[in-house]
Amino acid sequence: MTFQQGTGKGTFSGKESGGGWSSKVLAVPFGDRCHDVLVRMSDGSLRGYQAKCGLAPQPSMAYRKLGTGWNAYDVLTSPGDLTGDERADLLARRASTGDVYLFAAKSDGTLAAAQKIRSGWTGYTKLVGAGDLNGDGIGDVLARDRAGTLYRYNGAGNGLLRTG
């Protein structure tokens, strides 16, 4: 797993890698520390890693267990803070229905129970938590449809996404 470090000016200043990961894991940048990451393991379990600045996470590092059954989701992404509590949140799209769920971050480092915030998003081929694109302090989401059209959904600050 390799992290490219940003300079804050649209360029990269270097990279750090942590070895030993299976090619079947899914990593999601998460949080506001240097290399916080959620990792969905091949068995469907979700782990939260908080590597020290200057280090990339490795499977042997300490982690927080965040549950099982995460293979039911074909998309995991973090748009940043959707709930207005200054903690990064997680969005997940259920593969079977296209429904999008918010898993709000809790102060103890765990995730709140799923809250469905969108239904039937099967027409989108890509969903990306893009951070705060409009400068309001709330995370936003980009969605690309099959025709290649890109849509932006601004966060509303209450865990939901604005329409239009």
C-alpha atoms as a PDB file:
ATOM      1  CA  MET A   1       0.000   0.000   0.000  1.00  0.00           C
ATOM      2  CA  THR A   2       1.549   3.274  -1.095  1.00  0.00           C
ATOM      3  CA  PHE A   3       0.608   6.777   0.021  1.00  0.00           C
ATOM      4  CA  GLN A   4       1.471   9.794  -2.094  1.00  0.00           C
ATOM      5  CA  GLN A   5       2.011  12.798   0.140  1.00  0.00           C
ATOM      6  CA  GLY A   6       0.470  16.026  -1.078  1.00  0.00           C
ATOM      7  CA  THR A   7       2.108  19.410  -0.718  1.00  0.00           C
ATOM      8  CA  GLY A   8      -1.166  21.343  -0.495  1.00  0.00           C
ATOM      9  CA  LYS A   9      -0.257  22.988  -3.813  1.00  0.00           C
ATOM     10  CA  GLY A  10      -1.495  20.325  -6.240  1.00  0.00           C
ATOM     11  CA  THR A  11       1.737  18.345  -6.344  1.00  0.00           C
ATOM     12  CA  PHE A  12       3.263  15.431  -4.467  1.00  0.00           C
ATOM     13  CA  SER A  13       6.262  15.588  -2.164  1.00  0.00           C
ATOM     14  CA  GLY A  14       7.028  11.891  -1.855  1.00  0.00           C
ATOM     15  CA  LYS A  15       5.561   8.515  -1.116  1.00  0.00           C
ATOM     16  CA  GLU A  16       5.614   5.907   1.606  1.00  0.00           C
ATOM     17  CA  SER A  17       4.805   2.237   1.213  1.00  0.00           C
ATOM     18  CA  GLY A  18       3.770  -0.496   3.617  1.00  0.00           C
ATOM     19  CA  GLY A  19       4.144  -4.069   2.420  1.00  0.00           C
ATOM     20  CA  GLY A  20       2.420  -7.329   3.239  1.00  0.00           C
ATOM     21  CA  TRP A  21      -1.063  -6.469   1.960  1.00  0.00           C
ATOM     22  CA  SER A  22      -3.154  -8.892  -0.083  1.00  0.00           C
ATOM     23  CA  SER A  23      -4.225  -7.658  -3.522  1.00  0.00           C
ATOM     24  CA  LYS A  24      -7.798  -8.468  -2.450  1.00  0.00           C
ATOM     25  CA  VAL A  25      -8.063  -5.721   0.190  1.00  0.00           C
ATOM     26  CA  LEU A  26      -9.716  -2.351  -0.379  1.00  0.00           C
ATOM     27  CA  ALA A  27      -8.131   0.682   1.277  1.00  0.00           C
ATOM     28  CA  VAL A  28     -10.079   3.896   1.940  1.00  0.00           C
ATOM     29  CA  PRO A  29      -8.295   7.048   3.127  1.00  0.00           C
ATOM     30  CA  PHE A  30     -10.203   8.069   6.228  1.00  0.00           C
ATOM     31  CA  GLY A  31      -9.814  10.730   8.885  1.00  0.00           C
ATOM     32  CA  ASP A  32      -7.611  13.753   9.213  1.00  0.00           C
ATOM     33  CA  ARG A  33      -4.299  12.310  10.354  1.00  0.00           C
ATOM     34  CA  CYS A  34      -1.339  11.571   8.110  1.00  0.00           C
ATOM     35  CA  HIS A  35      -2.198   8.036   7.037  1.00  0.00           C
ATOM     36  CA  ASP A  36      -5.493   7.067   8.618  1.00  0.00           C
ATOM     37  CA  VAL A  37      -7.057   4.356   6.492  1.00  0.00           C
ATOM     38  CA  LEU A  38      -9.917   1.884   6.594  1.00  0.00           C
ATOM     39  CA  VAL A  39      -9.114  -1.494   5.081  1.00  0.00           C
ATOM     40  CA  ARG A  40     -11.737  -4.008   3.974  1.00  0.00           C
ATOM     41  CA  MET A  41     -10.098  -7.392   4.248  1.00  0.00           C
ATOM     42  CA  SER A  42     -10.839 -10.236   1.823  1.00  0.00           C
ATOM     43  CA  ASP A  43     -13.080 -11.917   4.448  1.00  0.00           C
ATOM     44  CA  GLY A  44     -15.346  -8.818   4.545  1.00  0.00           C
ATOM     45  CA  SER A  45     -14.104  -7.475   7.871  1.00  0.00           C
ATOM     46  CA  LEU A  46     -13.289  -3.772   8.170  1.00  0.00           C
ATOM     47  CA  ARG A  47     -10.279  -2.472  10.056  1.00  0.00           C
ATOM     48  CA  GLY A  48      -9.273   1.068  10.994  1.00  0.00           C
ATOM     49  CA  TYR A  49      -5.552   1.854  10.993  1.00  0.00           C
ATOM     50  CA  GLN A  50      -3.947   5.038  12.342  1.00  0.00           C
ATOM     51  CA  ALA A  51      -0.338   4.945  11.221  1.00  0.00           C
ATOM     52  CA  LYS A  52       2.089   7.479  12.603  1.00  0.00           C
ATOM     53  CA  CYS A  53       3.021  10.334  10.310  1.00  0.00           C
ATOM     54  CA  GLY A  54       5.840   9.229   8.042  1.00  0.00           C
ATOM     55  CA  LEU A  55       4.753   5.578   8.097  1.00  0.00           C
ATOM     56  CA  ALA A  56       2.387   3.705   5.823  1.00  0.00           C
ATOM     57  CA  PRO A  57       0.044   1.162   7.439  1.00  0.00           C
ATOM     58  CA  GLN A  58       1.051  -2.476   7.458  1.00  0.00           C
ATOM     59  CA  PRO A  59      -1.164  -5.484   8.277  1.00  0.00           C
ATOM     60  CA  SER A  60       0.865  -6.196  11.413  1.00  0.00           C
ATOM     61  CA  MET A  61       0.129  -2.763  12.959  1.00  0.00           C
ATOM     62  CA  ALA A  62      -2.498  -2.257  15.644  1.00  0.00           C
ATOM     63  CA  TYR A  63      -5.982  -1.611  14.268  1.00  0.00           C
ATOM     64  CA  ARG A  64      -9.565  -1.108  15.400  1.00  0.00           C
ATOM     65  CA  LYS A  65     -12.095  -3.777  14.401  1.00  0.00           C
ATOM     66  CA  LEU A  66     -15.074  -2.119  12.715  1.00  0.00           C
ATOM     67  CA  GLY A  67     -17.274  -5.093  11.934  1.00  0.00           C
ATOM     68  CA  THR A  68     -17.866  -7.767   9.334  1.00  0.00           C
ATOM     69  CA  GLY A  69     -20.067  -8.153   6.254  1.00  0.00           C
ATOM     70  CA  TRP A  70     -18.496  -5.282   4.350  1.00  0.00           C
ATOM     71  CA  ASN A  71     -18.229  -7.381   1.158  1.00  0.00           C
ATOM     72  CA  ALA A  72     -21.917  -6.587   0.618  1.00  0.00           C
ATOM     73  CA  TYR A  73     -20.803  -3.123  -0.540  1.00  0.00           C
ATOM     74  CA  ASP A  74     -19.207  -2.500  -3.934  1.00  0.00           C
ATOM     75  CA  VAL A  75     -18.178   1.055  -3.031  1.00  0.00           C
ATOM     76  CA  LEU A  76     -16.578   2.361   0.151  1.00  0.00           C
ATOM     77  CA  THR A  77     -15.519   6.011   0.136  1.00  0.00           C
ATOM     78  CA  SER A  78     -15.023   8.839   2.570  1.00  0.00           C
ATOM     79  CA  PRO A  79     -16.171  12.308   1.506  1.00  0.00           C
ATOM     80  CA  GLY A  80     -14.864  13.814   4.740  1.00  0.00           C
ATOM     81  CA  ASP A  81     -17.345  15.222   7.249  1.00  0.00           C
ATOM     82  CA  LEU A  82     -20.974  14.832   6.132  1.00  0.00           C
ATOM     83  CA  THR A  83     -22.577  15.217   9.550  1.00  0.00           C
ATOM     84  CA  GLY A  84     -21.071  18.522  10.694  1.00  0.00           C
ATOM     85  CA  ASP A  85     -19.222  17.038  13.688  1.00  0.00           C
ATOM     86  CA  GLU A  86     -15.710  17.562  12.257  1.00  0.00           C
ATOM     87  CA  ARG A  87     -15.096  13.802  11.867  1.00  0.00           C
ATOM     88  CA  ALA A  88     -14.698  12.031   8.533  1.00  0.00           C
ATOM     89  CA  ASP A  89     -17.624   9.746   7.683  1.00  0.00           C
ATOM     90  CA  LEU A  90     -17.921   6.678   5.469  1.00  0.00           C
ATOM     91  CA  LEU A  91     -20.298   6.057   2.562  1.00  0.00           C
ATOM     92  CA  ALA A  92     -20.996   2.565   1.261  1.00  0.00           C
ATOM     93  CA  ARG A  93     -23.077   1.415  -1.716  1.00  0.00           C
ATOM     94  CA  ARG A  94     -24.820  -1.950  -1.349  1.00  0.00           C
ATOM     95  CA  ALA A  95     -23.981  -3.976  -4.452  1.00  0.00           C
ATOM     96  CA  SER A  96     -27.363  -5.743  -4.648  1.00  0.00           C
ATOM     97  CA  THR A  97     -29.564  -2.613  -4.561  1.00  0.00           C
ATOM     98  CA  GLY A  98     -27.402   0.418  -5.286  1.00  0.00           C
ATOM     99  CA  ASP A  99     -28.587   1.971  -2.015  1.00  0.00           C
ATOM    100  CA  VAL A 100     -26.053   4.318  -0.420  1.00  0.00           C
ATOM    101  CA  TYR A 101     -25.527   4.254   3.326  1.00  0.00           C
ATOM    102  CA  LEU A 102     -23.855   6.694   5.665  1.00  0.00           C
ATOM    103  CA  PHE A 103     -21.736   5.288   8.485  1.00  0.00           C
ATOM    104  CA  ALA A 104     -21.079   8.334  10.639  1.00  0.00           C
ATOM    105  CA  ALA A 105     -17.824   8.360  12.584  1.00  0.00           C
ATOM    106  CA  LYS A 106     -18.240   8.332  16.353  1.00  0.00           C
ATOM    107  CA  SER A 107     -15.936  10.020  18.865  1.00  0.00           C
ATOM    108  CA  ASP A 108     -14.602   6.649  20.078  1.00  0.00           C
ATOM    109  CA  GLY A 109     -13.245   5.772  16.608  1.00  0.00           C
ATOM    110  CA  THR A 110     -16.063   3.404  15.669  1.00  0.00           C
ATOM    111  CA  LEU A 111     -18.840   3.871  13.120  1.00  0.00           C
ATOM    112  CA  ALA A 112     -22.514   4.492  13.813  1.00  0.00           C
ATOM    113  CA  ALA A 113     -25.135   2.137  12.413  1.00  0.00           C
ATOM    114  CA  ALA A 114     -25.955   2.434   8.718  1.00  0.00           C
ATOM    115  CA  GLN A 115     -28.336   5.189   7.651  1.00  0.00           C
ATOM    116  CA  LYS A 116     -29.687   4.908   4.080  1.00  0.00           C
ATOM    117  CA  ILE A 117     -29.284   8.273   2.366  1.00  0.00           C
ATOM    118  CA  ARG A 118     -29.873   7.364  -1.314  1.00  0.00           C
ATOM    119  CA  SER A 119     -31.689   4.573  -3.148  1.00  0.00           C
ATOM    120  CA  GLY A 120     -30.925   2.755  -6.384  1.00  0.00           C
ATOM    121  CA  TRP A 121     -27.632   4.347  -7.390  1.00  0.00           C
ATOM    122  CA  THR A 122     -26.855   1.435  -9.739  1.00  0.00           C
ATOM    123  CA  GLY A 123     -26.541   3.790 -12.729  1.00  0.00           C
ATOM    124  CA  TYR A 124     -23.324   5.248 -11.388  1.00  0.00           C
ATOM    125  CA  THR A 125     -20.125   3.461 -12.367  1.00  0.00           C
ATOM    126  CA  LYS A 126     -17.958   5.441  -9.947  1.00  0.00           C
ATOM    127  CA  LEU A 127     -18.605   7.180  -6.612  1.00  0.00           C
ATOM    128  CA  VAL A 128     -15.867   9.226  -4.976  1.00  0.00           C
ATOM    129  CA  GLY A 129     -15.854  11.053  -1.679  1.00  0.00           C
ATOM    130  CA  ALA A 130     -14.203  14.232  -2.884  1.00  0.00           C
ATOM    131  CA  GLY A 131     -13.813  16.267   0.302  1.00  0.00           C
ATOM    132  CA  ASP A 132     -15.177  19.796   0.553  1.00  0.00           C
ATOM    133  CA  LEU A 133     -15.475  21.042  -3.033  1.00  0.00           C
ATOM    134  CA  ASN A 134     -17.636  24.116  -2.427  1.00  0.00           C
ATOM    135  CA  GLY A 135     -15.886  25.542   0.647  1.00  0.00           C
ATOM    136  CA  ASP A 136     -18.729  25.106   3.141  1.00  0.00           C
ATOM    137  CA  GLY A 137     -16.807  22.769   5.465  1.00  0.00           C
ATOM    138  CA  ILE A 138     -18.950  19.727   4.575  1.00  0.00           C
ATOM    139  CA  GLY A 139     -17.803  16.787   2.436  1.00  0.00           C
ATOM    140  CA  ASP A 140     -19.100  16.321  -1.094  1.00  0.00           C
ATOM    141  CA  VAL A 141     -19.463  13.353  -3.459  1.00  0.00           C
ATOM    142  CA  LEU A 142     -18.757  12.947  -7.170  1.00  0.00           C
ATOM    143  CA  ALA A 143     -20.699  10.356  -9.180  1.00  0.00           C
ATOM    144  CA  ARG A 144     -20.049   9.258 -12.781  1.00  0.00           C
ATOM    145  CA  ASP A 145     -22.766   7.579 -14.835  1.00  0.00           C
ATOM    146  CA  ARG A 146     -22.391   5.032 -17.624  1.00  0.00           C
ATOM    147  CA  ALA A 147     -22.292   7.775 -20.276  1.00  0.00           C
ATOM    148  CA  GLY A 148     -19.346   9.406 -18.508  1.00  0.00           C
ATOM    149  CA  THR A 149     -21.299  12.379 -17.153  1.00  0.00           C
ATOM    150  CA  LEU A 150     -19.990  13.594 -13.814  1.00  0.00           C
ATOM    151  CA  TYR A 151     -22.356  14.797 -11.086  1.00  0.00           C
ATOM    152  CA  ARG A 152     -21.564  16.597  -7.844  1.00  0.00           C
ATOM    153  CA  TYR A 153     -23.642  16.072  -4.712  1.00  0.00           C
ATOM    154  CA  ASN A 154     -22.878  18.599  -1.999  1.00  0.00           C
ATOM    155  CA  GLY A 155     -23.086  17.470   1.598  1.00  0.00           C
ATOM    156  CA  ALA A 156     -25.901  19.051   3.602  1.00  0.00           C
ATOM    157  CA  GLY A 157     -24.174  18.933   7.010  1.00  0.00           C
ATOM    158  CA  ASN A 158     -26.758  16.562   8.504  1.00  0.00           C
ATOM    159  CA  GLY A 159     -25.482  13.324   6.950  1.00  0.00           C
ATOM    160  CA  LEU A 160     -27.432  13.768   3.738  1.00  0.00           C
ATOM    161  CA  LEU A 161     -26.511  14.895   0.224  1.00  0.00           C
ATOM    162  CA  ARG A 162     -28.194  17.858  -1.448  1.00  0.00           C
ATOM    163  CA  THR A 163     -29.959  17.319  -4.743  1.00  0.00           C
ATOM    164  CA  GLY A 164     -29.170  19.573  -7.684  1.00  0.00           C
END
